[in-house]
Protein backbone atom coordinates (compact mmCIF):
# COMPACT_ATOMS: atom_id res chain seq x y z
CA MET A 1 108.06 127.22 23.80
CA GLU A 2 104.88 127.42 25.82
CA LEU A 3 105.01 126.31 29.45
CA GLN A 4 101.98 124.10 28.86
CA ASP A 5 103.92 122.04 26.31
CA MET A 6 106.74 121.34 28.76
CA LEU A 7 104.40 120.61 31.67
CA ILE A 8 102.13 118.32 29.65
CA ALA A 9 105.12 116.34 28.34
CA GLU A 10 106.48 115.96 31.88
CA LEU A 11 103.08 114.95 33.23
CA GLU A 12 102.61 112.33 30.50
CA HIS A 13 106.05 110.88 31.20
CA GLU A 14 105.53 110.71 34.97
CA VAL A 15 102.03 109.23 34.63
CA ALA A 16 103.29 106.49 32.29
CA LEU A 17 105.99 105.56 34.82
CA THR A 18 103.51 105.67 37.69
CA GLU A 19 101.11 103.38 35.85
CA LYS A 20 103.86 100.76 35.55
CA PHE A 21 104.42 100.91 39.30
CA LEU A 22 100.73 100.74 40.19
CA LYS A 23 100.29 97.65 38.03
CA ARG A 24 102.97 95.87 40.09
CA ILE A 25 101.05 96.21 43.37
CA PRO A 26 100.06 92.69 44.45
CA LYS A 27 96.27 92.56 44.55
CA ASP A 28 96.34 90.51 47.73
CA LYS A 29 98.56 93.02 49.57
CA LEU A 30 96.51 96.22 49.35
CA GLU A 31 96.28 96.51 53.14
CA TRP A 32 100.01 95.82 53.65
CA ARG A 33 102.21 98.59 55.02
CA PRO A 34 105.95 98.47 55.79
CA HIS A 35 105.52 100.23 59.15
CA PRO A 36 102.54 101.23 61.32
CA LYS A 37 103.15 104.91 60.49
CA SER A 38 103.31 104.21 56.74
CA MET A 39 100.45 104.30 54.27
CA SER A 40 99.06 100.95 53.16
CA LEU A 41 99.62 100.01 49.52
CA LYS A 42 95.95 100.87 48.90
CA GLN A 43 96.46 104.35 50.38
CA LEU A 44 99.77 104.93 48.60
CA GLY A 45 98.48 103.73 45.23
CA SER A 46 95.31 105.80 45.62
CA HIS A 47 97.41 108.84 46.47
CA LEU A 48 99.57 108.36 43.38
CA ALA A 49 96.43 108.04 41.25
CA GLU A 50 95.06 111.26 42.72
CA ILE A 51 98.11 113.48 42.19
CA PRO A 52 97.31 114.56 38.60
CA SER A 53 94.02 115.97 39.91
CA TRP A 54 96.13 118.40 41.95
CA VAL A 55 97.33 119.88 38.65
CA THR A 56 93.72 120.59 37.74
CA GLY A 57 92.99 121.95 41.20
CA THR A 58 95.95 124.29 40.98
CA MET A 59 94.95 125.59 37.58
CA VAL A 60 91.19 126.01 38.04
CA GLN A 61 91.18 127.57 41.52
CA ASP A 62 93.31 130.17 43.22
CA GLU A 63 93.25 128.63 46.69
CA MET A 64 92.45 125.39 48.45
CA SER A 65 91.39 124.81 52.03
CA MET A 66 92.77 121.60 53.49
CA ASP A 67 90.27 121.64 56.38
CA ASP A 68 87.81 119.23 54.77
CA TYR A 69 90.24 117.33 52.53
CA LYS A 70 89.86 113.56 52.61
CA PRO A 71 92.14 111.51 50.37
CA PRO A 72 90.27 109.25 47.97
CA ILE A 73 90.74 105.52 48.44
CA ASN A 74 90.58 103.16 45.46
CA GLU A 75 89.56 99.60 46.21
CA SER A 76 91.62 97.90 43.49
CA VAL A 77 94.73 98.34 41.38
CA GLU A 78 92.50 98.58 38.31
CA GLU A 79 90.61 101.47 39.90
CA MET A 80 93.91 103.20 40.74
CA VAL A 81 95.10 102.95 37.13
CA LYS A 82 91.74 104.14 35.79
CA ASN A 83 91.74 107.14 38.13
CA LEU A 84 95.37 107.96 37.35
CA LYS A 85 94.61 108.05 33.63
CA SER A 86 91.38 110.02 33.92
CA SER A 87 92.86 112.57 36.33
CA ALA A 88 95.85 112.97 34.00
CA GLU A 89 93.56 113.68 31.03
CA GLU A 90 91.76 116.38 33.01
CA ALA A 91 95.11 117.76 34.16
CA LYS A 92 96.36 118.07 30.59
CA LYS A 93 93.24 120.01 29.62
CA SER A 94 93.69 122.37 32.57
CA LEU A 95 97.28 123.12 31.52
CA LYS A 96 96.27 124.39 28.07
CA VAL A 97 96.41 128.05 29.04
CA PRO A 98 98.59 131.03 28.13
CA ASN A 99 101.91 131.37 29.97
CA SER A 100 100.51 134.31 31.96
CA GLU A 101 98.13 131.96 33.82
CA PHE A 102 101.11 130.21 35.43
CA ASP A 103 102.18 133.50 37.05
CA LYS A 104 98.95 133.81 39.03
CA HIS A 105 99.26 133.06 42.73
CA TRP A 106 97.77 129.98 44.38
CA LYS A 107 97.52 129.37 48.07
CA MET A 108 96.85 126.52 50.45
CA ILE A 109 94.83 127.35 53.55
CA GLN A 110 94.39 125.35 56.75
CA GLY A 111 92.54 126.51 59.82
CA GLY A 112 91.98 129.89 58.20
CA LYS A 113 95.72 130.48 57.80
CA THR A 114 97.75 130.50 54.62
CA VAL A 115 100.14 127.53 54.73
CA MET A 116 101.81 128.44 51.45
CA GLU A 117 101.36 130.87 48.59
CA MET A 118 103.30 131.01 45.35
CA PRO A 119 102.84 131.31 41.58
CA LYS A 120 100.96 128.42 40.02
CA TYR A 121 104.01 127.36 38.01
CA GLN A 122 106.01 126.94 41.22
CA VAL A 123 103.16 125.00 42.82
CA LEU A 124 103.00 122.67 39.81
CA ARG A 125 106.75 122.08 39.61
CA GLY A 126 107.73 122.18 43.26
CA MET A 127 104.72 120.72 45.02
CA VAL A 128 102.59 118.73 42.58
CA LEU A 129 104.65 117.08 39.84
CA ASN A 130 107.47 116.25 42.27
CA GLN A 131 104.97 114.25 44.32
CA LEU A 132 104.84 111.57 41.61
CA PRO A 133 108.51 110.45 41.76
CA HIS A 134 108.57 110.93 45.54
CA HIS A 135 105.66 108.58 46.25
CA ARG A 136 106.57 106.28 43.36
CA ALA A 137 109.92 105.74 45.07
CA GLN A 138 108.10 104.85 48.29
CA LEU A 139 106.05 102.34 46.31
CA GLY A 140 109.25 100.95 44.78
CA VAL A 141 110.65 100.26 48.25
CA CYS A 142 107.39 98.54 49.21
CA LEU A 143 107.51 96.41 46.07
CA ARG A 144 111.11 95.43 46.86
CA LEU A 145 110.17 94.51 50.45
CA LEU A 146 107.39 92.29 49.06
CA ASP A 147 109.84 90.66 46.63
CA GLN A 148 108.04 92.13 43.62
CA SER A 149 109.94 93.38 40.59
CA VAL A 150 110.51 97.12 40.47
CA PRO A 151 109.97 98.79 37.08
CA ALA A 152 112.63 100.83 35.37
CA THR A 153 112.12 104.58 35.70
CA TYR A 154 114.92 106.91 34.62
CA GLY A 155 117.11 103.98 33.66
CA PRO A 156 117.01 100.22 34.16
CA SER A 157 116.09 98.79 37.54
CA ALA A 158 117.94 95.84 39.10
CA ASP A 159 114.98 93.71 38.01
CA GLU A 160 115.08 94.84 34.41
CA GLN A 161 118.81 94.75 33.71
CA GLN A 162 119.69 93.08 30.45
């Protein structure tokens, strides 16, 4: 089996789950945050929508400088969902490469120093795709604190028990 087939299937699954979560964000609570140090729902949802673009970034470049990075901010839930879907489509295209491409090294640079360097496959699995369930779980806690229903992910949620 080609690595691209496994990664694309995983990406599609995680994006579908993430879309369900984004659609539960109350439109009137985009500026809400559970703690002053936490991201607002707008920031968190925008970050989730952006993550598939990191797949593309990993595959089309060999390094990334974080010096000028500014996270995109979406102004609505609809915009978050649209960006999630479009970035996922681009990500899937970027993954359609021979297995040997996943062995190439990728590095993150900040302040002229290498923060991390590893094969692209490890970046995708360990740093990029794992960001989706991590931040989706944060969003699930926020939804619960706002008394919103939490979607099922890898099994039924307390809100979707039969």
